[in-house]
C-alpha atoms as a PDB file:
ATOM      1  CA  MET A   1     123.847 125.622  97.669  1.00  0.00           C
ATOM      2  CA  THR A   2     127.231 126.250  99.237  1.00  0.00           C
ATOM      3  CA  PRO A   3     130.180 126.490  96.856  1.00  0.00           C
ATOM      4  CA  TYR A   4     132.648 123.624  97.174  1.00  0.00           C
ATOM      5  CA  LEU A   5     135.504 125.760  98.477  1.00  0.00           C
ATOM      6  CA  ASP A   6     133.328 127.153 101.283  1.00  0.00           C
ATOM      7  CA  LEU A   7     132.201 123.756 102.633  1.00  0.00           C
ATOM      8  CA  THR A   8     133.349 122.899 106.117  1.00  0.00           C
ATOM      9  CA  LEU A   9     134.069 119.434 107.450  1.00  0.00           C
ATOM     10  CA  ALA A  10     130.839 119.668 109.460  1.00  0.00           C
ATOM     11  CA  ASP A  11     128.925 120.355 106.221  1.00  0.00           C
ATOM     12  CA  LEU A  12     130.543 117.339 104.569  1.00  0.00           C
ATOM     13  CA  ARG A  13     129.699 115.092 107.527  1.00  0.00           C
ATOM     14  CA  ARG A  14     126.071 116.231 107.444  1.00  0.00           C
ATOM     15  CA  VAL A  15     125.866 115.417 103.725  1.00  0.00           C
ATOM     16  CA  LEU A  16     127.462 112.004 104.274  1.00  0.00           C
ATOM     17  CA  ASP A  17     125.086 111.227 107.139  1.00  0.00           C
ATOM     18  CA  VAL A  18     122.085 111.923 104.941  1.00  0.00           C
ATOM     19  CA  ASP A  19     123.458 110.271 101.783  1.00  0.00           C
ATOM     20  CA  LEU A  20     125.129 107.219 103.341  1.00  0.00           C
ATOM     21  CA  ALA A  21     123.877 106.602 106.856  1.00  0.00           C
ATOM     22  CA  GLY A  22     120.219 107.258 105.995  1.00  0.00           C
ATOM     23  CA  PRO A  23     119.874 104.532 103.338  1.00  0.00           C
ATOM     24  CA  PHE A  24     121.977 102.161 105.452  1.00  0.00           C
ATOM     25  CA  LEU A  25     119.689 102.571 108.479  1.00  0.00           C
ATOM     26  CA  CYS A  26     116.539 102.252 106.345  1.00  0.00           C
ATOM     27  CA  GLY A  27     117.921  99.080 104.746  1.00  0.00           C
ATOM     28  CA  GLN A  28     118.702  97.590 108.142  1.00  0.00           C
ATOM     29  CA  ARG A  29     115.202  98.279 109.393  1.00  0.00           C
ATOM     30  CA  ALA A  30     113.634  96.812 106.253  1.00  0.00           C
ATOM     31  CA  ALA A  31     115.804  93.686 106.515  1.00  0.00           C
ATOM     32  CA  ARG A  32     114.767  93.132 110.140  1.00  0.00           C
ATOM     33  CA  ARG A  33     111.104  93.439 109.184  1.00  0.00           C
ATOM     34  CA  MET A  34     111.506  91.005 106.268  1.00  0.00           C
ATOM     35  CA  ILE A  35     113.173  88.460 108.557  1.00  0.00           C
ATOM     36  CA  ARG A  36     110.313  88.751 111.091  1.00  0.00           C
ATOM     37  CA  GLN A  37     107.739  88.272 108.329  1.00  0.00           C
ATOM     38  CA  ALA A  38     109.607  85.265 106.909  1.00  0.00           C
ATOM     39  CA  ARG A  39     109.668  83.672 110.368  1.00  0.00           C
ATOM     40  CA  ALA A  40     105.926  84.219 110.720  1.00  0.00           C
ATOM     41  CA  VAL A  41     105.326  82.517 107.355  1.00  0.00           C
ATOM     42  CA  GLY A  42     107.637  79.635 108.291  1.00  0.00           C
ATOM     43  CA  GLU A  43     105.967  79.181 111.674  1.00  0.00           C
ATOM     44  CA  ALA A  44     102.530  79.157 110.031  1.00  0.00           C
ATOM     45  CA  ALA A  45     103.661  76.442 107.598  1.00  0.00           C
ATOM     46  CA  VAL A  46     105.005  74.263 110.414  1.00  0.00           C
ATOM     47  CA  ARG A  47     101.840  74.802 112.454  1.00  0.00           C
ATOM     48  CA  ASP A  48      99.704  73.780 109.465  1.00  0.00           C
ATOM     49  CA  LEU A  49     101.766  70.641 108.925  1.00  0.00           C
ATOM     50  CA  LEU A  50     101.570  69.694 112.613  1.00  0.00           C
ATOM     51  CA  ASN A  51      97.805  70.208 112.575  1.00  0.00           C
ATOM     52  CA  GLY A  52      97.428  67.860 109.603  1.00  0.00           C
ATOM     53  CA  SER A  53      96.627  70.547 107.071  1.00  0.00           C
ATOM     54  CA  ARG A  54      97.338  69.640 103.449  1.00  0.00           C
ATOM     55  CA  ARG A  55      98.086  73.169 102.347  1.00  0.00           C
ATOM     56  CA  HIS A  56     101.672  74.351 102.102  1.00  0.00           C
ATOM     57  CA  VAL A  57     102.570  77.987 102.370  1.00  0.00           C
ATOM     58  CA  ALA A  58     104.764  79.032  99.440  1.00  0.00           C
ATOM     59  CA  GLY A  59     105.016  82.694 100.342  1.00  0.00           C
ATOM     60  CA  PRO A  60     103.354  85.422 102.350  1.00  0.00           C
ATOM     61  CA  ARG A  61     100.502  85.817  99.841  1.00  0.00           C
ATOM     62  CA  ARG A  62     100.432  82.528  97.945  1.00  0.00           C
ATOM     63  CA  VAL A  63      99.107  79.187  99.180  1.00  0.00           C
ATOM     64  CA  LEU A  64      99.576  75.983  97.234  1.00  0.00           C
ATOM     65  CA  ARG A  65      97.075  73.165  97.678  1.00  0.00           C
END
């Protein structure tokens, strides 16, 4: 580990990229995936209703009858 007084600005930027940008980018990717999955569930519910199905999708893993 580098002592605080010996850190360069480049070192600080590398630490910030890992500690701040990394979680931010992972969160963005996860949010996009969740939105796609929610759309798929919503589209399936509409398709079921249009086809006369009596089941209603309450979530990605739970079906209410």
